């Protein structure tokens, strides 16, 4: 059974009238929503960028789509906020083998690692503002480079996805990305997820 997706309201709108300031305690209320934690990584020319993201969710199985929401003012949003037509051609689907060139970011390609419960330190590293350097932060962590996205992918997560942005939506202070999943580099047979709740990473159970 296929459900119709409701039309999106204009960016900055609630869909029920003019945009208004956030209600008191809005941020605190949202912190009560437990969410899985992911690591989004991007190959940007000679650099590798990463950021911790809890605003991630699956959208569709066929076609395979996921949603990622990034702070609009962040560097990862700047990299992925440019459409493929504004940069070099994405080529034949193979990302840069050595991180050179701008294949990953220019094509709107990135990787998402669904972090496991024992990767909270990794999540903390990449939660820093600015331009977290994935190559440096993963130096002592087993990892691989995605064959499709060119992005660095840490081992040990519950699963990893390589994606390409198909739709960009400005939404308040965030950039919402709808992305097609191009590859699944790995999937762990078991393990507990890393969960963020009230600003912490509590253990399950």
N, C-alpha and C. Protein backbone atom coordinates (compact mmCIF):
# COMPACT_ATOMS: atom_id res chain seq x y z
N UNK A 1 0.85 -1.19 0.00
CA UNK A 1 0.00 0.00 0.00
C UNK A 1 0.88 1.23 0.00
N UNK A 2 0.61 2.14 -0.87
CA UNK A 2 1.41 3.35 -1.00
C UNK A 2 0.66 4.53 -0.43
N UNK A 3 1.31 5.27 0.46
CA UNK A 3 0.70 6.46 1.03
C UNK A 3 1.12 7.68 0.25
N UNK A 4 0.20 8.61 0.09
CA UNK A 4 0.53 9.86 -0.57
C UNK A 4 1.31 10.73 0.40
N UNK A 5 2.39 11.34 -0.09
CA UNK A 5 3.18 12.23 0.74
C UNK A 5 2.57 13.61 0.72
N UNK A 6 2.28 14.21 1.88
CA UNK A 6 1.68 15.54 1.89
C UNK A 6 2.63 16.57 1.31
N UNK A 7 2.06 17.61 0.70
CA UNK A 7 2.86 18.68 0.10
C UNK A 7 3.66 19.38 1.18
N UNK A 8 4.89 19.73 0.87
CA UNK A 8 5.74 20.42 1.82
C UNK A 8 5.37 21.88 1.90
N UNK A 9 5.35 22.42 3.11
CA UNK A 9 5.11 23.84 3.28
C UNK A 9 6.36 24.61 2.88
N UNK A 10 6.24 25.88 2.51
CA UNK A 10 7.41 26.67 2.15
C UNK A 10 8.42 26.71 3.28
N UNK A 11 9.71 26.84 2.92
CA UNK A 11 10.76 26.88 3.94
C UNK A 11 10.47 27.98 4.95
N UNK A 12 10.64 27.67 6.23
CA UNK A 12 10.41 28.64 7.28
C UNK A 12 8.97 28.74 7.72
N UNK A 13 8.08 27.95 7.10
CA UNK A 13 6.67 28.01 7.43
C UNK A 13 6.27 26.80 8.24
N UNK A 14 5.26 26.96 9.09
CA UNK A 14 4.74 25.84 9.85
C UNK A 14 3.65 25.12 9.09
N UNK A 15 3.19 25.70 7.99
CA UNK A 15 2.11 25.11 7.22
C UNK A 15 0.76 25.56 7.72
N UNK A 16 0.74 26.36 8.79
CA UNK A 16 -0.53 26.82 9.36
C UNK A 16 -0.53 28.32 9.56
N UNK A 17 0.19 29.03 8.73
CA UNK A 17 0.24 30.48 8.84
C UNK A 17 1.68 30.96 8.84
N UNK A 18 1.89 32.26 9.09
CA UNK A 18 3.24 32.83 9.06
C UNK A 18 4.14 32.16 10.08
N UNK A 19 5.44 32.08 9.75
CA UNK A 19 6.41 31.50 10.67
C UNK A 19 6.49 32.33 11.94
N UNK A 20 6.63 31.67 13.08
CA UNK A 20 6.72 32.37 14.36
C UNK A 20 7.93 31.89 15.12
N UNK A 21 8.26 32.62 16.20
CA UNK A 21 9.38 32.22 17.03
C UNK A 21 9.06 30.89 17.71
N UNK A 22 10.10 30.15 18.06
CA UNK A 22 9.90 28.86 18.72
C UNK A 22 9.25 29.07 20.08
N UNK A 23 8.31 28.21 20.45
CA UNK A 23 7.67 28.31 21.77
C UNK A 23 8.70 28.11 22.88
N UNK A 24 8.45 28.65 24.05
CA UNK A 24 9.36 28.42 25.19
C UNK A 24 9.54 26.92 25.42
N UNK A 25 10.76 26.54 25.74
CA UNK A 25 11.09 25.14 26.06
C UNK A 25 11.00 24.20 24.87
N UNK A 26 10.93 24.75 23.66
CA UNK A 26 10.84 23.89 22.47
C UNK A 26 12.06 22.99 22.35
N UNK A 27 13.25 23.58 22.50
CA UNK A 27 14.48 22.78 22.39
C UNK A 27 14.53 21.71 23.47
N UNK A 28 14.08 22.04 24.66
CA UNK A 28 14.07 21.06 25.74
C UNK A 28 13.11 19.92 25.46
N UNK A 29 11.98 20.25 24.87
CA UNK A 29 11.01 19.21 24.52
C UNK A 29 11.59 18.26 23.48
N UNK A 30 12.29 18.80 22.49
CA UNK A 30 12.88 17.96 21.46
C UNK A 30 13.96 17.05 22.02
N UNK A 31 14.65 17.50 23.08
CA UNK A 31 15.71 16.67 23.65
C UNK A 31 15.14 15.40 24.28
N UNK A 32 13.83 15.39 24.53
CA UNK A 32 13.19 14.21 25.10
C UNK A 32 12.87 13.16 24.05
N UNK A 33 13.19 13.48 22.79
CA UNK A 33 12.99 12.52 21.71
C UNK A 33 14.27 11.72 21.52
N UNK A 34 14.21 10.44 21.82
CA UNK A 34 15.39 9.59 21.66
C UNK A 34 15.61 9.29 20.18
N UNK A 35 16.84 9.45 19.71
CA UNK A 35 17.13 9.26 18.30
C UNK A 35 18.45 8.53 18.11
N UNK A 36 18.51 7.71 17.07
CA UNK A 36 19.76 7.06 16.73
C UNK A 36 20.77 8.07 16.23
N UNK A 37 22.04 7.77 16.42
CA UNK A 37 23.11 8.70 16.05
C UNK A 37 23.87 8.15 14.84
N UNK A 38 24.12 9.03 13.89
CA UNK A 38 24.86 8.64 12.69
C UNK A 38 26.07 9.55 12.50
N UNK A 39 26.98 9.11 11.67
CA UNK A 39 28.11 9.92 11.26
C UNK A 39 28.04 10.12 9.75
N UNK A 40 27.94 11.38 9.33
CA UNK A 40 27.90 11.71 7.90
C UNK A 40 29.29 12.17 7.49
N UNK A 41 29.85 11.57 6.46
CA UNK A 41 31.19 11.94 5.98
C UNK A 41 31.13 12.29 4.50
N UNK A 42 32.00 13.22 4.11
CA UNK A 42 32.02 13.75 2.75
C UNK A 42 33.46 13.87 2.28
N UNK A 43 33.74 13.46 1.05
CA UNK A 43 35.05 13.68 0.44
C UNK A 43 35.01 15.04 -0.25
N UNK A 44 35.84 15.96 0.23
CA UNK A 44 35.86 17.33 -0.29
C UNK A 44 37.24 17.66 -0.82
N UNK A 45 37.46 17.39 -2.09
CA UNK A 45 38.76 17.68 -2.67
C UNK A 45 39.85 16.90 -1.97
N UNK A 46 40.84 17.59 -1.44
CA UNK A 46 41.94 16.93 -0.75
C UNK A 46 41.61 16.67 0.72
N UNK A 47 40.45 17.08 1.15
CA UNK A 47 40.07 16.96 2.55
C UNK A 47 38.97 15.93 2.71
N UNK A 48 38.69 15.56 3.94
CA UNK A 48 37.57 14.68 4.28
C UNK A 48 36.88 15.28 5.48
N UNK A 49 35.56 15.49 5.35
CA UNK A 49 34.79 16.17 6.37
C UNK A 49 33.79 15.18 6.99
N UNK A 50 33.49 15.37 8.27
CA UNK A 50 32.50 14.53 8.92
C UNK A 50 31.74 15.30 9.97
N UNK A 51 30.52 14.87 10.26
CA UNK A 51 29.73 15.50 11.30
C UNK A 51 28.76 14.49 11.90
N UNK A 52 28.51 14.60 13.19
CA UNK A 52 27.55 13.74 13.87
C UNK A 52 26.14 14.24 13.59
N UNK A 53 25.25 13.34 13.22
CA UNK A 53 23.88 13.71 12.86
C UNK A 53 22.89 12.75 13.51
N UNK A 54 21.94 13.30 14.26
CA UNK A 54 20.87 12.48 14.81
C UNK A 54 19.56 12.67 14.05
N UNK A 55 19.50 13.73 13.21
CA UNK A 55 18.31 13.97 12.39
C UNK A 55 18.45 13.19 11.08
N UNK A 56 18.28 11.89 11.18
CA UNK A 56 18.39 10.97 10.05
C UNK A 56 17.22 10.00 10.12
N UNK A 57 16.64 9.68 8.96
CA UNK A 57 15.58 8.67 8.98
C UNK A 57 15.40 8.08 7.58
N UNK A 58 14.96 6.83 7.50
CA UNK A 58 14.65 6.24 6.21
C UNK A 58 13.38 6.87 5.65
N UNK A 59 13.30 6.97 4.35
CA UNK A 59 12.15 7.58 3.69
C UNK A 59 11.40 6.56 2.84
N UNK A 60 12.15 5.77 2.06
CA UNK A 60 11.52 4.86 1.11
C UNK A 60 12.44 3.68 0.86
N UNK A 61 11.84 2.51 0.63
CA UNK A 61 12.62 1.33 0.28
C UNK A 61 12.77 1.23 -1.23
N UNK A 62 11.72 1.58 -1.96
CA UNK A 62 11.77 1.53 -3.43
C UNK A 62 11.13 2.78 -4.01
N UNK A 63 11.94 3.75 -4.46
CA UNK A 63 13.40 3.72 -4.51
C UNK A 63 14.01 3.89 -3.12
N UNK A 64 15.26 3.47 -2.95
CA UNK A 64 15.90 3.57 -1.63
C UNK A 64 16.29 5.01 -1.30
N UNK A 65 15.55 5.62 -0.37
CA UNK A 65 15.78 7.02 -0.02
C UNK A 65 15.91 7.19 1.48
N UNK A 66 16.77 8.11 1.89
CA UNK A 66 16.91 8.47 3.29
C UNK A 66 16.86 9.99 3.41
N UNK A 67 16.64 10.47 4.63
CA UNK A 67 16.61 11.91 4.90
C UNK A 67 17.69 12.25 5.92
N UNK A 68 18.42 13.34 5.64
CA UNK A 68 19.43 13.85 6.56
C UNK A 68 19.20 15.34 6.70
N UNK A 69 19.21 15.84 7.93
CA UNK A 69 19.03 17.26 8.18
C UNK A 69 20.29 17.83 8.79
N UNK A 70 20.83 18.89 8.16
CA UNK A 70 22.08 19.50 8.60
C UNK A 70 21.85 20.96 8.95
N UNK A 71 22.60 21.49 9.90
CA UNK A 71 22.56 22.91 10.17
C UNK A 71 22.90 23.67 8.90
N UNK A 72 22.05 24.60 8.50
CA UNK A 72 22.24 25.29 7.23
C UNK A 72 23.55 26.07 7.19
N UNK A 73 24.01 26.54 8.34
CA UNK A 73 25.23 27.34 8.38
C UNK A 73 26.49 26.49 8.50
N UNK A 74 26.36 25.17 8.53
CA UNK A 74 27.52 24.30 8.70
C UNK A 74 28.25 24.05 7.39
N UNK A 75 29.51 23.66 7.50
CA UNK A 75 30.30 23.38 6.30
C UNK A 75 29.78 22.16 5.54
N UNK A 76 29.37 21.07 6.22
CA UNK A 76 28.80 19.95 5.46
C UNK A 76 27.58 20.37 4.64
N UNK A 77 26.73 21.26 5.19
CA UNK A 77 25.57 21.73 4.43
C UNK A 77 26.01 22.57 3.24
N UNK A 78 27.09 23.33 3.41
CA UNK A 78 27.61 24.12 2.30
C UNK A 78 28.09 23.20 1.17
N UNK A 79 28.75 22.11 1.54
CA UNK A 79 29.25 21.19 0.52
C UNK A 79 28.12 20.48 -0.22
N UNK A 80 27.12 20.01 0.54
CA UNK A 80 26.05 19.22 -0.06
C UNK A 80 24.88 20.08 -0.54
N UNK A 81 24.93 21.38 -0.27
CA UNK A 81 23.85 22.26 -0.69
C UNK A 81 23.95 22.72 -2.12
N UNK A 82 25.00 22.31 -2.82
CA UNK A 82 25.19 22.68 -4.22
C UNK A 82 24.74 21.55 -5.11
N UNK A 83 23.92 21.87 -6.09
CA UNK A 83 23.43 20.83 -7.00
C UNK A 83 24.53 20.37 -7.92
N UNK A 84 24.46 19.13 -8.45
CA UNK A 84 25.49 18.60 -9.34
C UNK A 84 25.76 19.49 -10.53
N UNK A 85 24.75 20.18 -11.02
CA UNK A 85 24.94 21.04 -12.18
C UNK A 85 25.83 22.23 -11.92
N UNK A 86 26.05 22.53 -10.62
CA UNK A 86 26.90 23.67 -10.27
C UNK A 86 28.36 23.28 -10.13
N UNK A 87 28.66 21.99 -10.28
CA UNK A 87 30.04 21.54 -10.12
C UNK A 87 30.40 20.55 -11.19
N UNK A 88 31.55 19.86 -11.06
CA UNK A 88 31.97 18.87 -12.03
C UNK A 88 30.97 17.74 -12.14
N UNK A 89 30.97 17.07 -13.26
CA UNK A 89 30.07 15.94 -13.48
C UNK A 89 30.40 14.82 -12.51
N UNK A 90 29.37 14.11 -11.99
CA UNK A 90 29.63 13.03 -11.04
C UNK A 90 30.37 11.86 -11.65
N UNK A 91 30.48 11.79 -12.96
CA UNK A 91 31.24 10.71 -13.59
C UNK A 91 30.45 9.43 -13.66
N UNK A 92 31.17 8.29 -13.59
CA UNK A 92 30.51 7.01 -13.81
C UNK A 92 30.07 6.33 -12.53
N UNK A 93 30.13 7.03 -11.40
CA UNK A 93 29.65 6.43 -10.16
C UNK A 93 30.76 6.05 -9.21
N UNK A 94 32.02 6.04 -9.65
CA UNK A 94 33.13 5.69 -8.76
C UNK A 94 33.67 6.94 -8.11
N UNK A 95 33.76 6.95 -6.80
CA UNK A 95 34.30 8.09 -6.08
C UNK A 95 35.81 8.10 -6.20
N UNK A 96 36.46 9.19 -5.78
CA UNK A 96 37.91 9.29 -5.86
C UNK A 96 38.57 8.27 -4.97
N UNK A 97 39.45 7.48 -5.53
CA UNK A 97 40.08 6.40 -4.77
C UNK A 97 41.01 6.93 -3.69
N UNK A 98 41.59 8.13 -3.91
CA UNK A 98 42.56 8.62 -2.95
C UNK A 98 42.12 9.90 -2.27
N UNK A 99 40.86 10.30 -2.45
CA UNK A 99 40.40 11.53 -1.82
C UNK A 99 40.69 12.76 -2.64
N UNK A 100 41.38 12.63 -3.75
CA UNK A 100 41.68 13.78 -4.58
C UNK A 100 40.48 14.14 -5.43
N UNK A 101 40.50 15.35 -5.99
CA UNK A 101 39.38 15.81 -6.79
C UNK A 101 38.22 16.15 -5.91
N UNK A 102 37.05 16.50 -6.52
CA UNK A 102 35.91 16.87 -5.73
C UNK A 102 34.72 16.02 -6.10
N UNK A 103 34.96 14.73 -6.43
CA UNK A 103 33.88 13.87 -6.88
C UNK A 103 32.79 13.69 -5.86
N UNK A 104 33.15 13.46 -4.56
CA UNK A 104 32.14 13.20 -3.55
C UNK A 104 31.22 14.37 -3.33
N UNK A 105 31.79 15.55 -2.99
CA UNK A 105 30.97 16.70 -2.68
C UNK A 105 30.31 17.27 -3.92
N UNK A 106 31.03 17.36 -5.03
CA UNK A 106 30.48 17.98 -6.23
C UNK A 106 29.29 17.20 -6.76
N UNK A 107 29.31 15.90 -6.60
CA UNK A 107 28.20 15.08 -7.08
C UNK A 107 27.10 14.96 -6.04
N UNK A 108 27.25 15.63 -4.91
CA UNK A 108 26.26 15.51 -3.83
C UNK A 108 26.32 14.17 -3.17
N UNK A 109 27.48 13.54 -3.18
CA UNK A 109 27.60 12.20 -2.60
C UNK A 109 28.23 12.25 -1.21
N UNK A 110 27.78 11.35 -0.36
CA UNK A 110 28.28 11.28 1.01
C UNK A 110 28.01 9.89 1.56
N UNK A 111 28.57 9.62 2.72
CA UNK A 111 28.35 8.33 3.38
C UNK A 111 27.71 8.57 4.74
N UNK A 112 26.91 7.60 5.18
CA UNK A 112 26.29 7.65 6.50
C UNK A 112 26.64 6.35 7.22
N UNK A 113 27.20 6.46 8.42
CA UNK A 113 27.45 5.30 9.26
C UNK A 113 26.46 5.32 10.41
N UNK A 114 25.68 4.26 10.57
CA UNK A 114 24.77 4.14 11.70
C UNK A 114 25.60 3.64 12.88
N UNK A 115 25.88 4.52 13.82
CA UNK A 115 26.84 4.23 14.87
C UNK A 115 26.32 3.21 15.88
N UNK A 116 27.25 2.39 16.37
CA UNK A 116 26.94 1.39 17.39
C UNK A 116 27.14 2.00 18.78
N UNK A 117 26.60 1.34 19.79
CA UNK A 117 26.61 1.86 21.15
C UNK A 117 28.02 2.13 21.67
N UNK A 118 29.00 1.36 21.22
CA UNK A 118 30.36 1.55 21.72
C UNK A 118 31.15 2.59 20.92
N UNK A 119 30.47 3.38 20.08
CA UNK A 119 31.14 4.41 19.28
C UNK A 119 30.80 5.82 19.75
N UNK A 120 30.43 5.97 21.02
CA UNK A 120 30.04 7.29 21.52
C UNK A 120 31.21 8.27 21.48
N UNK A 121 32.43 7.78 21.68
CA UNK A 121 33.58 8.68 21.61
C UNK A 121 33.73 9.26 20.21
N UNK A 122 33.48 8.42 19.20
CA UNK A 122 33.55 8.87 17.81
C UNK A 122 32.48 9.93 17.55
N UNK A 123 31.29 9.71 18.07
CA UNK A 123 30.21 10.68 17.90
C UNK A 123 30.59 12.01 18.54
N UNK A 124 31.21 11.96 19.71
CA UNK A 124 31.61 13.18 20.38
C UNK A 124 32.66 13.95 19.60
N UNK A 125 33.59 13.25 19.01
CA UNK A 125 34.63 13.92 18.22
C UNK A 125 34.04 14.71 17.07
N UNK A 126 33.10 14.11 16.37
CA UNK A 126 32.56 14.74 15.18
C UNK A 126 31.42 15.71 15.48
N UNK A 127 31.06 15.86 16.75
CA UNK A 127 30.00 16.80 17.11
C UNK A 127 30.53 18.23 17.21
N UNK A 128 31.84 18.40 17.09
CA UNK A 128 32.44 19.72 17.19
C UNK A 128 32.01 20.60 16.01
N UNK A 129 31.85 21.89 16.28
CA UNK A 129 31.49 22.84 15.22
C UNK A 129 32.69 23.09 14.32
N UNK A 130 32.43 23.68 13.16
CA UNK A 130 33.50 24.00 12.23
C UNK A 130 33.62 22.98 11.12
N UNK A 131 34.85 22.55 10.84
CA UNK A 131 35.10 21.62 9.75
C UNK A 131 35.84 20.40 10.28
N UNK A 132 35.15 19.53 11.02
CA UNK A 132 35.82 18.34 11.57
C UNK A 132 36.51 17.52 10.49
N UNK A 133 37.81 17.34 10.64
CA UNK A 133 38.60 16.62 9.65
C UNK A 133 38.49 15.12 9.89
N UNK A 134 37.77 14.46 8.99
CA UNK A 134 37.52 13.03 9.16
C UNK A 134 38.80 12.21 9.08
N UNK A 135 39.72 12.62 8.25
CA UNK A 135 40.96 11.86 8.11
C UNK A 135 41.74 11.84 9.43
N UNK A 136 41.79 12.99 10.09
CA UNK A 136 42.52 13.07 11.36
C UNK A 136 41.77 12.33 12.47
N UNK A 137 40.46 12.50 12.53
CA UNK A 137 39.69 11.91 13.62
C UNK A 137 39.53 10.40 13.49
N UNK A 138 39.73 9.89 12.29
CA UNK A 138 39.63 8.44 12.08
C UNK A 138 41.01 7.79 11.97
N UNK A 139 42.05 8.57 12.24
CA UNK A 139 43.42 8.07 12.05
C UNK A 139 43.68 6.79 12.85
N UNK A 140 43.12 6.71 14.06
CA UNK A 140 43.36 5.54 14.90
C UNK A 140 42.16 4.60 14.94
N UNK A 141 41.23 4.80 14.02
CA UNK A 141 40.02 3.97 13.96
C UNK A 141 40.01 3.20 12.64
N UNK A 142 39.80 1.90 12.67
CA UNK A 142 39.72 1.15 11.40
C UNK A 142 38.62 1.75 10.52
N UNK A 143 38.96 2.00 9.26
CA UNK A 143 37.99 2.61 8.36
C UNK A 143 38.33 2.25 6.92
N UNK A 144 37.44 2.62 6.04
CA UNK A 144 37.62 2.37 4.60
C UNK A 144 37.13 3.60 3.84
N UNK A 145 37.46 3.65 2.56
CA UNK A 145 36.94 4.73 1.71
C UNK A 145 35.86 4.15 0.81
N UNK A 146 34.70 4.77 0.81
CA UNK A 146 33.59 4.28 0.02
C UNK A 146 33.91 4.28 -1.47
N UNK A 147 33.60 3.18 -2.14
CA UNK A 147 33.91 3.05 -3.56
C UNK A 147 33.03 3.96 -4.41
N UNK A 148 31.84 4.31 -3.91
CA UNK A 148 30.91 5.13 -4.69
C UNK A 148 30.96 6.60 -4.30
N UNK A 149 31.01 6.87 -3.00
CA UNK A 149 31.00 8.26 -2.53
C UNK A 149 32.38 8.86 -2.38
N UNK A 150 33.40 8.02 -2.22
CA UNK A 150 34.75 8.52 -1.95
C UNK A 150 34.94 8.94 -0.51
N UNK A 151 33.89 8.87 0.31
CA UNK A 151 33.96 9.33 1.70
C UNK A 151 34.56 8.26 2.61
N UNK A 152 35.16 8.70 3.70
CA UNK A 152 35.71 7.78 4.68
C UNK A 152 34.58 7.19 5.52
N UNK A 153 34.63 5.88 5.76
CA UNK A 153 33.58 5.17 6.49
C UNK A 153 34.23 4.37 7.61
N UNK A 154 33.91 4.70 8.88
CA UNK A 154 34.49 3.92 9.98
C UNK A 154 33.90 2.52 10.04
N UNK A 155 34.74 1.55 10.40
CA UNK A 155 34.25 0.20 10.64
C UNK A 155 33.58 0.16 12.01
N UNK A 156 32.86 -0.90 12.29
CA UNK A 156 32.31 -1.09 13.61
C UNK A 156 30.92 -0.55 13.83
N UNK A 157 30.33 0.11 12.82
CA UNK A 157 28.97 0.60 12.96
C UNK A 157 27.96 -0.52 12.72
N UNK A 158 26.69 -0.19 12.89
CA UNK A 158 25.65 -1.18 12.62
C UNK A 158 25.43 -1.36 11.12
N UNK A 159 25.67 -0.29 10.36
CA UNK A 159 25.55 -0.35 8.91
C UNK A 159 26.15 0.93 8.33
N UNK A 160 26.48 0.89 7.06
CA UNK A 160 26.98 2.06 6.37
C UNK A 160 26.26 2.18 5.03
N UNK A 161 25.96 3.42 4.65
CA UNK A 161 25.27 3.69 3.40
C UNK A 161 26.07 4.72 2.60
N UNK A 162 26.06 4.58 1.29
CA UNK A 162 26.62 5.60 0.42
C UNK A 162 25.46 6.20 -0.37
N UNK A 163 25.39 7.52 -0.36
CA UNK A 163 24.20 8.21 -0.85
C UNK A 163 24.54 9.33 -1.84
N UNK A 164 23.51 9.74 -2.57
CA UNK A 164 23.62 10.88 -3.48
C UNK A 164 22.38 11.74 -3.30
N UNK A 165 22.57 13.04 -3.08
CA UNK A 165 21.46 13.95 -2.84
C UNK A 165 20.56 14.03 -4.07
N UNK A 166 19.26 13.87 -3.84
CA UNK A 166 18.31 14.00 -4.94
C UNK A 166 17.39 15.20 -4.76
N UNK A 167 17.29 15.72 -3.54
CA UNK A 167 16.43 16.87 -3.28
C UNK A 167 16.96 17.65 -2.10
N UNK A 168 16.93 18.98 -2.20
CA UNK A 168 17.39 19.86 -1.14
C UNK A 168 16.23 20.77 -0.73
N UNK A 169 15.99 20.88 0.57
CA UNK A 169 14.87 21.67 1.07
C UNK A 169 15.38 22.58 2.19
N UNK A 170 15.28 23.89 2.00
CA UNK A 170 15.62 24.83 3.07
C UNK A 170 14.50 24.80 4.08
N UNK A 171 14.83 24.52 5.34
CA UNK A 171 13.82 24.40 6.39
C UNK A 171 14.30 25.11 7.65
N UNK A 172 13.91 26.37 7.81
CA UNK A 172 14.35 27.13 8.97
C UNK A 172 15.86 27.24 9.01
N UNK A 173 16.46 26.87 10.14
CA UNK A 173 17.92 26.96 10.27
C UNK A 173 18.62 25.69 9.83
N UNK A 174 17.90 24.80 9.14
CA UNK A 174 18.48 23.55 8.67
C UNK A 174 18.31 23.38 7.15
N UNK A 175 19.15 22.54 6.60
CA UNK A 175 19.03 22.10 5.21
C UNK A 175 18.64 20.63 5.24
N UNK A 176 17.49 20.31 4.69
CA UNK A 176 17.02 18.93 4.66
C UNK A 176 17.41 18.32 3.32
N UNK A 177 18.06 17.17 3.38
CA UNK A 177 18.50 16.47 2.17
C UNK A 177 17.74 15.15 2.03
N UNK A 178 17.14 14.95 0.88
CA UNK A 178 16.60 13.64 0.54
C UNK A 178 17.64 13.01 -0.38
N UNK A 179 18.12 11.83 -0.04
CA UNK A 179 19.22 11.23 -0.79
C UNK A 179 18.91 9.79 -1.16
N UNK A 180 19.34 9.42 -2.36
CA UNK A 180 19.17 8.05 -2.84
C UNK A 180 20.35 7.21 -2.36
N UNK A 181 20.08 6.05 -1.83
CA UNK A 181 21.14 5.14 -1.37
C UNK A 181 21.68 4.38 -2.57
N UNK A 182 22.97 4.52 -2.81
CA UNK A 182 23.62 3.90 -3.96
C UNK A 182 24.30 2.58 -3.60
N UNK A 183 24.71 2.45 -2.35
CA UNK A 183 25.43 1.23 -1.96
C UNK A 183 25.36 1.06 -0.45
N UNK A 184 25.49 -0.18 0.01
CA UNK A 184 25.56 -0.51 1.43
C UNK A 184 26.90 -1.22 1.65
N UNK A 185 27.94 -0.49 2.02
CA UNK A 185 29.27 -1.08 2.18
C UNK A 185 29.33 -2.23 3.19
N UNK A 186 28.56 -2.12 4.26
CA UNK A 186 28.52 -3.23 5.21
C UNK A 186 27.27 -3.13 6.09
N UNK A 187 26.93 -4.24 6.69
CA UNK A 187 25.84 -4.30 7.66
C UNK A 187 26.23 -5.31 8.73
N UNK A 188 26.24 -4.88 10.00
CA UNK A 188 26.62 -5.77 11.09
C UNK A 188 25.50 -6.76 11.37
N UNK A 189 25.85 -8.00 11.69
CA UNK A 189 24.82 -9.00 11.97
C UNK A 189 24.10 -8.77 13.29
N UNK A 190 24.71 -7.99 14.20
CA UNK A 190 24.09 -7.72 15.49
C UNK A 190 24.73 -6.47 16.09
N UNK A 191 24.21 -6.07 17.24
CA UNK A 191 24.77 -4.90 17.91
C UNK A 191 23.68 -3.94 18.35
N UNK A 192 24.00 -3.10 19.35
CA UNK A 192 23.07 -2.10 19.84
C UNK A 192 23.39 -0.75 19.22
N UNK A 193 22.35 0.08 18.99
CA UNK A 193 22.58 1.40 18.40
C UNK A 193 23.05 2.42 19.42
N UNK A 194 23.72 3.44 18.94
CA UNK A 194 24.05 4.59 19.78
C UNK A 194 22.84 5.51 19.76
N UNK A 195 22.31 5.84 20.95
CA UNK A 195 21.12 6.65 21.08
C UNK A 195 21.45 7.97 21.78
N UNK A 196 20.88 9.06 21.26
CA UNK A 196 21.02 10.36 21.93
C UNK A 196 19.69 10.71 22.59
N UNK A 197 19.77 11.05 23.90
CA UNK A 197 18.57 11.37 24.66
C UNK A 197 18.93 12.38 25.73
N UNK A 198 18.24 13.53 25.70
CA UNK A 198 18.50 14.62 26.65
C UNK A 198 19.97 15.00 26.70
N UNK A 199 20.59 15.08 25.54
CA UNK A 199 21.96 15.54 25.44
C UNK A 199 23.00 14.51 25.83
N UNK A 200 22.59 13.26 26.08
CA UNK A 200 23.52 12.22 26.47
C UNK A 200 23.37 11.00 25.57
N UNK A 201 24.29 10.05 25.75
CA UNK A 201 24.23 8.80 24.99
C UNK A 201 23.98 7.65 25.98
N UNK A 202 22.74 7.46 26.41
CA UNK A 202 22.47 6.43 27.40
C UNK A 202 22.56 5.02 26.85
N UNK A 203 22.87 4.08 27.71
CA UNK A 203 22.91 2.67 27.32
C UNK A 203 21.50 2.12 27.29
N UNK A 204 21.25 1.21 26.36
CA UNK A 204 19.94 0.57 26.29
C UNK A 204 19.81 -0.47 27.40
N UNK A 205 18.58 -0.68 27.83
CA UNK A 205 18.33 -1.71 28.82
C UNK A 205 18.47 -1.23 30.25
